[in-house]
Amino acid sequence: MTLLIAAWTIGLILSLLALGVYISFRLFHFPDITVDGSVTLGAAVAAVLIVGGTGAGWAIAVAFVAGCVAGAVTGIVHTKFGVHKLLSGILVMTALYSINLHLMGKSNVPLLSERTLPIWAEGLARRWWATDSLNVAGWRINIGDLATLLVSGIVVAAVCVAMFWFFRTNLGTAMRATGDNDQMMRALAVNTKNMTILGLALSNGLVAISGALLAQYQGFADVQMGIGMIVWGLASVIIGQALVGPGSLGLAIVGTVMGSVLFRLIVALALRWGLNPNDLKLVTATFVFVALVLPGVLKRVRLGKKVQVAHA
């Protein structure tokens, strides 16, 4: 049960990263590699601020702003200087590696003795229930693990509601329409470059929040923690789309969160059943590759069968 709750908690935390990837990859069709750097940026900013005495809430807010700046830089590099989408993300991600090292002053910042959000949630839960563990469906659950799960769920729910509301405003609708058909939006006198910059800023802001929460949950921020996170986000988005199918914005948001949690549970079970942790990113990349290629292969197979039937 402890493994299940831990997997669920990490899945919720990383669902914010998946929502950021959903904005850049699905709404704007922008393969934004900045994610690998901005998740570490969020973790580094939050860790440094918390160690310096700033409250966990403010640290997460500043991490969000830092992530927005990183995403905006990627957007500016692409839209104002004409750099290819993929290359602009790679440039900013590479630059963020040095920036993160300068922020932290070393490659790893421990948070185990600091007052992080999980520590605050555990203290609040202990005062509320006056016990170290609770019995849930016959399982004894550590009160700290349960409190962290609840707080993570509340944060993710708040972000989902805010995201759903924002993308239904005039500005948010214009951003979504820019991703669907930028030529039409330019004809309507909408500055699509600014829409792209704003979209990438919001995307990486969410990714940075995920990094800030992940650093507090695992008890440290590490300069290498962002490697491969873009693939994790893509896998979550793909699983979420498979769960809810093509539908409304609300379904897409819920599906992305569900995809992240389900993917983390699958990973936890695979590790439990003996998967070598060194193979985890290889398996994840293979899964995303198959998920991206399989629909096209199935479509060609179906078309081939129809042609055979027509000639029969």
C-alpha atoms as a PDB file:
ATOM      1  CA  MET A   1       0.000   0.000   0.000  1.00  0.00           C
ATOM      2  CA  THR A   2       2.907   2.354   0.714  1.00  0.00           C
ATOM      3  CA  LEU A   3       4.242   1.689  -2.790  1.00  0.00           C
ATOM      4  CA  LEU A   4       0.817   2.440  -4.272  1.00  0.00           C
ATOM      5  CA  ILE A   5       0.476   5.745  -2.417  1.00  0.00           C
ATOM      6  CA  ALA A   6       4.020   6.811  -3.329  1.00  0.00           C
ATOM      7  CA  ALA A   7       3.404   5.999  -6.998  1.00  0.00           C
ATOM      8  CA  TRP A   8       0.087   7.850  -6.909  1.00  0.00           C
ATOM      9  CA  THR A   9       1.691  10.902  -5.300  1.00  0.00           C
ATOM     10  CA  ILE A  10       4.550  11.074  -7.828  1.00  0.00           C
ATOM     11  CA  GLY A  11       2.046  10.527 -10.627  1.00  0.00           C
ATOM     12  CA  LEU A  12       0.012  13.516  -9.434  1.00  0.00           C
ATOM     13  CA  ILE A  13       3.116  15.695  -9.071  1.00  0.00           C
ATOM     14  CA  LEU A  14       4.348  14.778 -12.549  1.00  0.00           C
ATOM     15  CA  SER A  15       0.862  15.323 -13.992  1.00  0.00           C
ATOM     16  CA  LEU A  16       1.648  19.057 -13.826  1.00  0.00           C
ATOM     17  CA  LEU A  17       4.643  18.364 -16.071  1.00  0.00           C
ATOM     18  CA  ALA A  18       2.375  16.350 -18.367  1.00  0.00           C
ATOM     19  CA  LEU A  19      -0.106  19.257 -18.515  1.00  0.00           C
ATOM     20  CA  GLY A  20       2.751  21.539 -19.533  1.00  0.00           C
ATOM     21  CA  VAL A  21       3.758  19.089 -22.268  1.00  0.00           C
ATOM     22  CA  TYR A  22       0.101  18.891 -23.340  1.00  0.00           C
ATOM     23  CA  ILE A  23       0.041  22.683 -23.867  1.00  0.00           C
ATOM     24  CA  SER A  24       3.236  22.798 -25.931  1.00  0.00           C
ATOM     25  CA  PHE A  25       2.935  19.469 -27.767  1.00  0.00           C
ATOM     26  CA  ARG A  26      -0.816  19.138 -28.329  1.00  0.00           C
ATOM     27  CA  LEU A  27      -2.146  22.708 -28.344  1.00  0.00           C
ATOM     28  CA  PHE A  28       0.801  24.415 -30.086  1.00  0.00           C
ATOM     29  CA  HIS A  29       2.357  21.398 -31.873  1.00  0.00           C
ATOM     30  CA  PHE A  30       5.698  22.560 -30.475  1.00  0.00           C
ATOM     31  CA  PRO A  31       8.226  19.823 -29.522  1.00  0.00           C
ATOM     32  CA  ASP A  32       9.602  21.787 -26.587  1.00  0.00           C
ATOM     33  CA  ILE A  33      12.769  20.207 -25.188  1.00  0.00           C
ATOM     34  CA  THR A  34      13.022  23.076 -22.689  1.00  0.00           C
ATOM     35  CA  VAL A  35      11.010  20.826 -20.356  1.00  0.00           C
ATOM     36  CA  ASP A  36      14.128  18.840 -19.399  1.00  0.00           C
ATOM     37  CA  GLY A  37      15.746  22.048 -18.152  1.00  0.00           C
ATOM     38  CA  SER A  38      12.724  23.864 -16.720  1.00  0.00           C
ATOM     39  CA  VAL A  39      11.737  20.981 -14.429  1.00  0.00           C
ATOM     40  CA  THR A  40      15.209  21.165 -12.889  1.00  0.00           C
ATOM     41  CA  LEU A  41      14.980  24.958 -12.832  1.00  0.00           C
ATOM     42  CA  GLY A  42      11.785  24.756 -10.775  1.00  0.00           C
ATOM     43  CA  ALA A  43      13.404  22.291  -8.397  1.00  0.00           C
ATOM     44  CA  ALA A  44      16.569  24.391  -8.076  1.00  0.00           C
ATOM     45  CA  VAL A  45      14.727  27.659  -7.443  1.00  0.00           C
ATOM     46  CA  ALA A  46      12.416  26.093  -4.863  1.00  0.00           C
ATOM     47  CA  ALA A  47      15.274  24.263  -3.100  1.00  0.00           C
ATOM     48  CA  VAL A  48      17.500  27.327  -2.862  1.00  0.00           C
ATOM     49  CA  LEU A  49      14.658  29.514  -1.580  1.00  0.00           C
ATOM     50  CA  ILE A  50      13.505  26.957   0.989  1.00  0.00           C
ATOM     51  CA  VAL A  51      17.062  26.466   2.279  1.00  0.00           C
ATOM     52  CA  GLY A  52      17.293  30.254   2.507  1.00  0.00           C
ATOM     53  CA  GLY A  53      14.220  30.383   4.747  1.00  0.00           C
ATOM     54  CA  THR A  54      11.440  31.153   2.254  1.00  0.00           C
ATOM     55  CA  GLY A  55       8.126  29.372   2.751  1.00  0.00           C
ATOM     56  CA  ALA A  56       7.345  26.402   0.522  1.00  0.00           C
ATOM     57  CA  GLY A  57       4.337  28.145  -1.050  1.00  0.00           C
ATOM     58  CA  TRP A  58       6.309  31.213  -2.072  1.00  0.00           C
ATOM     59  CA  ALA A  59       9.147  29.018  -3.331  1.00  0.00           C
ATOM     60  CA  ILE A  60       6.719  27.189  -5.637  1.00  0.00           C
ATOM     61  CA  ALA A  61       5.295  30.505  -6.869  1.00  0.00           C
ATOM     62  CA  VAL A  62       8.767  31.847  -7.708  1.00  0.00           C
ATOM     63  CA  ALA A  63       9.611  28.542  -9.414  1.00  0.00           C
ATOM     64  CA  PHE A  64       6.512  28.996 -11.592  1.00  0.00           C
ATOM     65  CA  VAL A  65       7.678  32.483 -12.620  1.00  0.00           C
ATOM     66  CA  ALA A  66      11.183  31.164 -13.383  1.00  0.00           C
ATOM     67  CA  GLY A  67       9.709  28.408 -15.542  1.00  0.00           C
ATOM     68  CA  CYS A  68       7.557  30.956 -17.385  1.00  0.00           C
ATOM     69  CA  VAL A  69      10.676  33.016 -18.147  1.00  0.00           C
ATOM     70  CA  ALA A  70      12.485  29.932 -19.493  1.00  0.00           C
ATOM     71  CA  GLY A  71       9.538  29.049 -21.727  1.00  0.00           C
ATOM     72  CA  ALA A  72       9.207  32.648 -22.919  1.00  0.00           C
ATOM     73  CA  VAL A  73      12.896  32.678 -23.891  1.00  0.00           C
ATOM     74  CA  THR A  74      12.361  29.543 -25.994  1.00  0.00           C
ATOM     75  CA  GLY A  75       9.377  31.199 -27.655  1.00  0.00           C
ATOM     76  CA  ILE A  76      11.333  34.392 -28.341  1.00  0.00           C
ATOM     77  CA  VAL A  77      14.283  32.459 -29.787  1.00  0.00           C
ATOM     78  CA  HIS A  78      11.887  30.688 -32.156  1.00  0.00           C
ATOM     79  CA  THR A  79       9.465  33.454 -33.113  1.00  0.00           C
ATOM     80  CA  LYS A  80      11.713  36.535 -33.064  1.00  0.00           C
ATOM     81  CA  PHE A  81      14.949  35.005 -34.365  1.00  0.00           C
ATOM     82  CA  GLY A  82      13.536  32.319 -36.646  1.00  0.00           C
ATOM     83  CA  VAL A  83      15.338  29.416 -34.972  1.00  0.00           C
ATOM     84  CA  HIS A  84      13.783  26.000 -35.569  1.00  0.00           C
ATOM     85  CA  LYS A  85      11.344  24.866 -32.835  1.00  0.00           C
ATOM     86  CA  LEU A  86      13.397  21.852 -31.800  1.00  0.00           C
ATOM     87  CA  LEU A  87      16.699  23.720 -31.831  1.00  0.00           C
ATOM     88  CA  SER A  88      15.345  26.663 -29.824  1.00  0.00           C
ATOM     89  CA  GLY A  89      14.285  24.273 -27.064  1.00  0.00           C
ATOM     90  CA  ILE A  90      17.631  22.501 -27.130  1.00  0.00           C
ATOM     91  CA  LEU A  91      19.485  25.816 -26.858  1.00  0.00           C
ATOM     92  CA  VAL A  92      17.506  26.977 -23.829  1.00  0.00           C
ATOM     93  CA  MET A  93      17.668  23.536 -22.188  1.00  0.00           C
ATOM     94  CA  THR A  94      21.445  23.510 -22.567  1.00  0.00           C
ATOM     95  CA  ALA A  95      21.739  27.007 -21.146  1.00  0.00           C
ATOM     96  CA  LEU A  96      19.514  26.071 -18.203  1.00  0.00           C
ATOM     97  CA  TYR A  97      21.964  23.347 -17.151  1.00  0.00           C
ATOM     98  CA  SER A  98      24.608  25.953 -16.309  1.00  0.00           C
ATOM     99  CA  ILE A  99      22.011  28.333 -14.842  1.00  0.00           C
ATOM    100  CA  ASN A 100      20.726  25.593 -12.547  1.00  0.00           C
ATOM    101  CA  LEU A 101      24.261  24.786 -11.402  1.00  0.00           C
ATOM    102  CA  HIS A 102      24.879  28.460 -10.619  1.00  0.00           C
ATOM    103  CA  LEU A 103      21.584  28.712  -8.736  1.00  0.00           C
ATOM    104  CA  MET A 104      22.291  25.688  -6.551  1.00  0.00           C
ATOM    105  CA  GLY A 105      26.029  26.306  -6.210  1.00  0.00           C
ATOM    106  CA  LYS A 106      26.557  22.530  -6.441  1.00  0.00           C
ATOM    107  CA  SER A 107      25.000  19.590  -8.223  1.00  0.00           C
ATOM    108  CA  ASN A 108      22.675  18.562  -5.372  1.00  0.00           C
ATOM    109  CA  VAL A 109      20.780  20.513  -2.695  1.00  0.00           C
ATOM    110  CA  PRO A 110      19.331  18.356   0.144  1.00  0.00           C
ATOM    111  CA  LEU A 111      15.994  19.337   1.693  1.00  0.00           C
ATOM    112  CA  LEU A 112      15.529  16.590   4.276  1.00  0.00           C
ATOM    113  CA  SER A 113      15.965  18.966   7.230  1.00  0.00           C
ATOM    114  CA  GLU A 114      13.948  21.822   5.716  1.00  0.00           C
ATOM    115  CA  ARG A 115      10.294  22.745   6.188  1.00  0.00           C
ATOM    116  CA  THR A 116       9.001  21.582   2.809  1.00  0.00           C
ATOM    117  CA  LEU A 117       5.387  21.167   1.738  1.00  0.00           C
ATOM    118  CA  PRO A 118       5.275  17.419   2.640  1.00  0.00           C
ATOM    119  CA  ILE A 119       6.730  18.202   6.094  1.00  0.00           C
ATOM    120  CA  TRP A 120       4.142  20.948   6.605  1.00  0.00           C
ATOM    121  CA  ALA A 121       1.337  18.636   5.445  1.00  0.00           C
ATOM    122  CA  GLU A 122       2.515  15.846   7.754  1.00  0.00           C
ATOM    123  CA  GLY A 123       2.618  18.190  10.744  1.00  0.00           C
ATOM    124  CA  LEU A 124      -0.864  19.476   9.974  1.00  0.00           C
ATOM    125  CA  ALA A 125      -2.197  15.923   9.614  1.00  0.00           C
ATOM    126  CA  ARG A 126      -0.631  14.801  12.897  1.00  0.00           C
ATOM    127  CA  ARG A 127      -2.294  17.702  14.732  1.00  0.00           C
ATOM    128  CA  TRP A 128      -5.628  16.981  13.025  1.00  0.00           C
ATOM    129  CA  TRP A 129      -5.765  13.189  13.528  1.00  0.00           C
ATOM    130  CA  ALA A 130      -3.376  12.956  16.544  1.00  0.00           C
ATOM    131  CA  THR A 131      -1.865   9.688  15.282  1.00  0.00           C
ATOM    132  CA  ASP A 132       1.073   8.427  13.217  1.00  0.00           C
ATOM    133  CA  SER A 133      -0.938   6.135  10.949  1.00  0.00           C
ATOM    134  CA  LEU A 134      -4.491   5.514   9.789  1.00  0.00           C
ATOM    135  CA  ASN A 135      -6.362   2.353   8.905  1.00  0.00           C
ATOM    136  CA  VAL A 136      -7.670   2.591   5.341  1.00  0.00           C
ATOM    137  CA  ALA A 137      -9.476  -0.485   3.972  1.00  0.00           C
ATOM    138  CA  GLY A 138      -7.492  -2.719   6.319  1.00  0.00           C
ATOM    139  CA  TRP A 139      -4.111  -1.159   5.497  1.00  0.00           C
ATOM    140  CA  ARG A 140      -2.051   0.878   7.981  1.00  0.00           C
ATOM    141  CA  ILE A 141      -0.972   4.022   6.143  1.00  0.00           C
ATOM    142  CA  ASN A 142       1.612   6.498   7.371  1.00  0.00           C
ATOM    143  CA  ILE A 143      -0.085   9.793   8.096  1.00  0.00           C
ATOM    144  CA  GLY A 144       2.692  11.731   6.366  1.00  0.00           C
ATOM    145  CA  ASP A 145       2.321   9.761   3.114  1.00  0.00           C
ATOM    146  CA  LEU A 146      -1.451  10.231   3.158  1.00  0.00           C
ATOM    147  CA  ALA A 147      -1.175  13.967   3.865  1.00  0.00           C
ATOM    148  CA  THR A 148       1.315  14.459   1.018  1.00  0.00           C
ATOM    149  CA  LEU A 149      -0.996  12.586  -1.341  1.00  0.00           C
ATOM    150  CA  LEU A 150      -3.963  14.760  -0.335  1.00  0.00           C
ATOM    151  CA  VAL A 151      -2.014  18.015  -0.682  1.00  0.00           C
ATOM    152  CA  SER A 152      -0.673  16.933  -4.086  1.00  0.00           C
ATOM    153  CA  GLY A 153      -4.207  16.121  -5.195  1.00  0.00           C
ATOM    154  CA  ILE A 154      -5.477  19.518  -4.038  1.00  0.00           C
ATOM    155  CA  VAL A 155      -2.675  21.370  -5.856  1.00  0.00           C
ATOM    156  CA  VAL A 156      -3.256  19.407  -9.072  1.00  0.00           C
ATOM    157  CA  ALA A 157      -7.028  19.940  -8.867  1.00  0.00           C
ATOM    158  CA  ALA A 158      -6.542  23.688  -8.383  1.00  0.00           C
ATOM    159  CA  VAL A 159      -4.175  23.877 -11.359  1.00  0.00           C
ATOM    160  CA  CYS A 160      -6.581  21.878 -13.546  1.00  0.00           C
ATOM    161  CA  VAL A 161      -9.505  24.176 -12.683  1.00  0.00           C
ATOM    162  CA  ALA A 162      -7.387  27.290 -13.314  1.00  0.00           C
ATOM    163  CA  MET A 163      -6.132  25.854 -16.622  1.00  0.00           C
ATOM    164  CA  PHE A 164      -9.652  24.916 -17.754  1.00  0.00           C
ATOM    165  CA  TRP A 165     -10.920  28.400 -16.871  1.00  0.00           C
ATOM    166  CA  PHE A 166      -8.010  30.172 -18.559  1.00  0.00           C
ATOM    167  CA  PHE A 167      -8.271  28.296 -21.861  1.00  0.00           C
ATOM    168  CA  ARG A 168     -11.968  29.180 -22.051  1.00  0.00           C
ATOM    169  CA  THR A 169     -11.319  32.935 -21.762  1.00  0.00           C
ATOM    170  CA  ASN A 170     -10.903  35.053 -24.898  1.00  0.00           C
ATOM    171  CA  LEU A 171      -7.115  34.985 -24.522  1.00  0.00           C
ATOM    172  CA  GLY A 172      -7.006  31.239 -23.901  1.00  0.00           C
ATOM    173  CA  THR A 173      -9.329  30.547 -26.825  1.00  0.00           C
ATOM    174  CA  ALA A 174      -7.095  32.653 -29.079  1.00  0.00           C
ATOM    175  CA  MET A 175      -4.081  30.636 -27.917  1.00  0.00           C
ATOM    176  CA  ARG A 176      -5.806  27.331 -28.683  1.00  0.00           C
ATOM    177  CA  ALA A 177      -6.934  28.614 -32.079  1.00  0.00           C
ATOM    178  CA  THR A 178      -3.367  29.719 -32.832  1.00  0.00           C
ATOM    179  CA  GLY A 179      -2.196  26.157 -32.312  1.00  0.00           C
ATOM    180  CA  ASP A 180      -4.973  24.811 -34.551  1.00  0.00           C
ATOM    181  CA  ASN A 181      -4.653  27.287 -37.419  1.00  0.00           C
ATOM    182  CA  ASP A 182      -2.147  30.108 -37.101  1.00  0.00           C
ATOM    183  CA  GLN A 183      -2.793  31.395 -40.629  1.00  0.00           C
ATOM    184  CA  MET A 184      -6.456  31.998 -39.850  1.00  0.00           C
ATOM    185  CA  MET A 185      -5.531  33.759 -36.598  1.00  0.00           C
ATOM    186  CA  ARG A 186      -3.065  36.022 -38.441  1.00  0.00           C
ATOM    187  CA  ALA A 187      -5.853  36.881 -40.869  1.00  0.00           C
ATOM    188  CA  LEU A 188      -7.910  37.913 -37.833  1.00  0.00           C
ATOM    189  CA  ALA A 189      -5.087  40.285 -36.784  1.00  0.00           C
ATOM    190  CA  VAL A 190      -4.003  38.110 -33.858  1.00  0.00           C
ATOM    191  CA  ASN A 191      -0.281  38.246 -33.049  1.00  0.00           C
ATOM    192  CA  THR A 192       0.443  34.509 -33.245  1.00  0.00           C
ATOM    193  CA  LYS A 193       4.065  34.997 -32.201  1.00  0.00           C
ATOM    194  CA  ASN A 194       2.992  36.480 -28.879  1.00  0.00           C
ATOM    195  CA  MET A 195       0.439  33.681 -28.470  1.00  0.00           C
ATOM    196  CA  THR A 196       3.197  31.084 -28.968  1.00  0.00           C
ATOM    197  CA  ILE A 197       5.513  32.823 -26.485  1.00  0.00           C
ATOM    198  CA  LEU A 198       2.729  33.012 -23.910  1.00  0.00           C
ATOM    199  CA  GLY A 199       1.786  29.374 -24.455  1.00  0.00           C
ATOM    200  CA  LEU A 200       5.350  28.154 -23.990  1.00  0.00           C
ATOM    201  CA  ALA A 201       5.733  30.355 -20.911  1.00  0.00           C
ATOM    202  CA  LEU A 202       2.624  28.831 -19.342  1.00  0.00           C
ATOM    203  CA  SER A 203       3.735  25.334 -20.331  1.00  0.00           C
ATOM    204  CA  ASN A 204       7.145  25.625 -18.710  1.00  0.00           C
ATOM    205  CA  GLY A 205       5.673  27.395 -15.685  1.00  0.00           C
ATOM    206  CA  LEU A 206       3.594  24.283 -14.977  1.00  0.00           C
ATOM    207  CA  VAL A 207       6.653  22.093 -15.567  1.00  0.00           C
ATOM    208  CA  ALA A 208       8.634  24.179 -13.062  1.00  0.00           C
ATOM    209  CA  ILE A 209       5.883  23.784 -10.440  1.00  0.00           C
ATOM    210  CA  SER A 210       6.134  20.030 -10.968  1.00  0.00           C
ATOM    211  CA  GLY A 211       9.895  20.217 -10.444  1.00  0.00           C
ATOM    212  CA  ALA A 212       9.481  22.287  -7.280  1.00  0.00           C
ATOM    213  CA  LEU A 213       7.001  19.789  -5.817  1.00  0.00           C
ATOM    214  CA  LEU A 214       9.090  16.779  -6.873  1.00  0.00           C
ATOM    215  CA  ALA A 215      12.215  18.178  -5.204  1.00  0.00           C
ATOM    216  CA  GLN A 216      10.309  18.706  -1.954  1.00  0.00           C
ATOM    217  CA  TYR A 217       8.756  15.238  -2.114  1.00  0.00           C
ATOM    218  CA  GLN A 218      11.999  13.361  -2.763  1.00  0.00           C
ATOM    219  CA  GLY A 219      13.983  15.573  -0.370  1.00  0.00           C
ATOM    220  CA  PHE A 220      16.544  17.033  -2.740  1.00  0.00           C
ATOM    221  CA  ALA A 221      17.067  18.938  -5.981  1.00  0.00           C
ATOM    222  CA  ASP A 222      19.600  17.514  -8.413  1.00  0.00           C
ATOM    223  CA  VAL A 223      20.947  19.054 -11.584  1.00  0.00           C
ATOM    224  CA  GLN A 224      20.395  15.747 -13.448  1.00  0.00           C
ATOM    225  CA  MET A 225      16.759  15.235 -12.389  1.00  0.00           C
ATOM    226  CA  GLY A 226      15.298  16.649 -15.604  1.00  0.00           C
ATOM    227  CA  ILE A 227      16.915  14.212 -18.032  1.00  0.00           C
ATOM    228  CA  GLY A 228      14.247  12.402 -20.046  1.00  0.00           C
ATOM    229  CA  MET A 229      11.301  14.190 -18.440  1.00  0.00           C
ATOM    230  CA  ILE A 230       9.940  15.277 -21.834  1.00  0.00           C
ATOM    231  CA  VAL A 231       9.480  11.599 -22.715  1.00  0.00           C
ATOM    232  CA  TRP A 232       7.668  11.018 -19.421  1.00  0.00           C
ATOM    233  CA  GLY A 233       5.311  13.899 -20.216  1.00  0.00           C
ATOM    234  CA  LEU A 234       4.675  12.613 -23.738  1.00  0.00           C
ATOM    235  CA  ALA A 235       3.911   9.134 -22.436  1.00  0.00           C
ATOM    236  CA  SER A 236       1.401  10.566 -19.951  1.00  0.00           C
ATOM    237  CA  VAL A 237      -0.302  12.666 -22.636  1.00  0.00           C
ATOM    238  CA  ILE A 238      -0.526   9.685 -25.009  1.00  0.00           C
ATOM    239  CA  ILE A 239      -1.937   7.380 -22.300  1.00  0.00           C
ATOM    240  CA  GLY A 240      -4.402  10.079 -21.264  1.00  0.00           C
ATOM    241  CA  GLN A 241      -5.620  10.512 -24.822  1.00  0.00           C
ATOM    242  CA  ALA A 242      -6.026   6.743 -25.146  1.00  0.00           C
ATOM    243  CA  LEU A 243      -8.102   6.728 -21.935  1.00  0.00           C
ATOM    244  CA  VAL A 244     -10.525   9.559 -22.762  1.00  0.00           C
ATOM    245  CA  GLY A 245     -10.186   9.770 -26.551  1.00  0.00           C
ATOM    246  CA  PRO A 246     -10.395  12.975 -28.582  1.00  0.00           C
ATOM    247  CA  GLY A 247     -12.822  15.254 -26.826  1.00  0.00           C
ATOM    248  CA  SER A 248     -13.296  18.526 -25.028  1.00  0.00           C
ATOM    249  CA  LEU A 249     -10.635  20.533 -23.233  1.00  0.00           C
ATOM    250  CA  GLY A 250     -11.871  19.338 -19.844  1.00  0.00           C
ATOM    251  CA  LEU A 251     -11.607  15.687 -20.856  1.00  0.00           C
ATOM    252  CA  ALA A 252      -8.118  16.279 -22.239  1.00  0.00           C
ATOM    253  CA  ILE A 253      -6.956  17.828 -18.948  1.00  0.00           C
ATOM    254  CA  VAL A 254      -8.475  15.048 -16.848  1.00  0.00           C
ATOM    255  CA  GLY A 255      -7.112  12.420 -19.228  1.00  0.00           C
ATOM    256  CA  THR A 256      -3.593  13.840 -18.990  1.00  0.00           C
ATOM    257  CA  VAL A 257      -3.671  13.687 -15.191  1.00  0.00           C
ATOM    258  CA  MET A 258      -5.060  10.144 -15.326  1.00  0.00           C
ATOM    259  CA  GLY A 259      -2.370   9.184 -17.841  1.00  0.00           C
ATOM    260  CA  SER A 260       0.395  10.448 -15.584  1.00  0.00           C
ATOM    261  CA  VAL A 261      -0.920   8.599 -12.531  1.00  0.00           C
ATOM    262  CA  LEU A 262      -1.533   5.395 -14.479  1.00  0.00           C
ATOM    263  CA  PHE A 263       1.892   5.529 -16.099  1.00  0.00           C
ATOM    264  CA  ARG A 264       3.575   5.977 -12.708  1.00  0.00           C
ATOM    265  CA  LEU A 265       1.599   3.046 -11.290  1.00  0.00           C
ATOM    266  CA  ILE A 266       2.673   0.880 -14.245  1.00  0.00           C
ATOM    267  CA  VAL A 267       6.309   1.889 -13.689  1.00  0.00           C
ATOM    268  CA  ALA A 268       6.078   1.157  -9.956  1.00  0.00           C
ATOM    269  CA  LEU A 269       4.609  -2.294 -10.619  1.00  0.00           C
ATOM    270  CA  ALA A 270       7.259  -3.003 -13.265  1.00  0.00           C
ATOM    271  CA  LEU A 271      10.043  -2.080 -10.840  1.00  0.00           C
ATOM    272  CA  ARG A 272       8.370  -4.187  -8.161  1.00  0.00           C
ATOM    273  CA  TRP A 273       8.317  -7.167 -10.533  1.00  0.00           C
ATOM    274  CA  GLY A 274      12.029  -6.887 -11.227  1.00  0.00           C
ATOM    275  CA  LEU A 275      12.544  -4.309 -13.981  1.00  0.00           C
ATOM    276  CA  ASN A 276      16.102  -2.998 -13.826  1.00  0.00           C
ATOM    277  CA  PRO A 277      15.871   0.729 -12.921  1.00  0.00           C
ATOM    278  CA  ASN A 278      18.682   1.372 -15.419  1.00  0.00           C
ATOM    279  CA  ASP A 279      16.310   0.224 -18.183  1.00  0.00           C
ATOM    280  CA  LEU A 280      13.456   2.506 -17.131  1.00  0.00           C
ATOM    281  CA  LYS A 281      14.136   5.380 -19.543  1.00  0.00           C
ATOM    282  CA  LEU A 282      14.832   2.923 -22.386  1.00  0.00           C
ATOM    283  CA  VAL A 283      11.496   1.209 -21.788  1.00  0.00           C
ATOM    284  CA  THR A 284       9.735   4.580 -21.523  1.00  0.00           C
ATOM    285  CA  ALA A 285      11.243   5.835 -24.789  1.00  0.00           C
ATOM    286  CA  THR A 286      10.302   2.573 -26.514  1.00  0.00           C
ATOM    287  CA  PHE A 287       6.740   2.873 -25.232  1.00  0.00           C
ATOM    288  CA  VAL A 288       6.392   6.441 -26.540  1.00  0.00           C
ATOM    289  CA  PHE A 289       7.889   5.418 -29.899  1.00  0.00           C
ATOM    290  CA  VAL A 290       5.412   2.564 -30.270  1.00  0.00           C
ATOM    291  CA  ALA A 291       2.511   4.789 -29.188  1.00  0.00           C
ATOM    292  CA  LEU A 292       3.457   7.424 -31.763  1.00  0.00           C
ATOM    293  CA  VAL A 293       4.057   4.985 -34.631  1.00  0.00           C
ATOM    294  CA  LEU A 294       1.349   2.375 -33.998  1.00  0.00           C
ATOM    295  CA  PRO A 295      -1.690   4.506 -35.055  1.00  0.00           C
ATOM    296  CA  GLY A 296      -0.074   5.225 -38.443  1.00  0.00           C
ATOM    297  CA  VAL A 297       0.818   1.562 -38.959  1.00  0.00           C
ATOM    298  CA  LEU A 298      -2.726   0.434 -38.090  1.00  0.00           C
ATOM    299  CA  LYS A 299      -4.165   3.065 -40.426  1.00  0.00           C
ATOM    300  CA  ARG A 300      -2.010   1.822 -43.311  1.00  0.00           C
ATOM    301  CA  VAL A 301      -2.997  -1.781 -42.553  1.00  0.00           C
ATOM    302  CA  ARG A 302      -6.700  -0.873 -42.601  1.00  0.00           C
ATOM    303  CA  LEU A 303      -6.288   1.042 -45.868  1.00  0.00           C
ATOM    304  CA  GLY A 304      -4.426  -1.922 -47.360  1.00  0.00           C
ATOM    305  CA  LYS A 305      -7.284  -4.278 -46.445  1.00  0.00           C
ATOM    306  CA  LYS A 306      -9.843  -1.904 -47.983  1.00  0.00           C
ATOM    307  CA  VAL A 307      -7.831  -1.775 -51.218  1.00  0.00           C
ATOM    308  CA  GLN A 308      -7.639  -5.582 -51.297  1.00  0.00           C
ATOM    309  CA  VAL A 309     -11.422  -5.830 -50.752  1.00  0.00           C
ATOM    310  CA  ALA A 310     -12.042  -3.270 -53.531  1.00  0.00           C
ATOM    311  CA  HIS A 311      -9.899  -5.249 -55.987  1.00  0.00           C
ATOM    312  CA  ALA A 312     -11.465  -8.566 -54.973  1.00  0.00           C
END
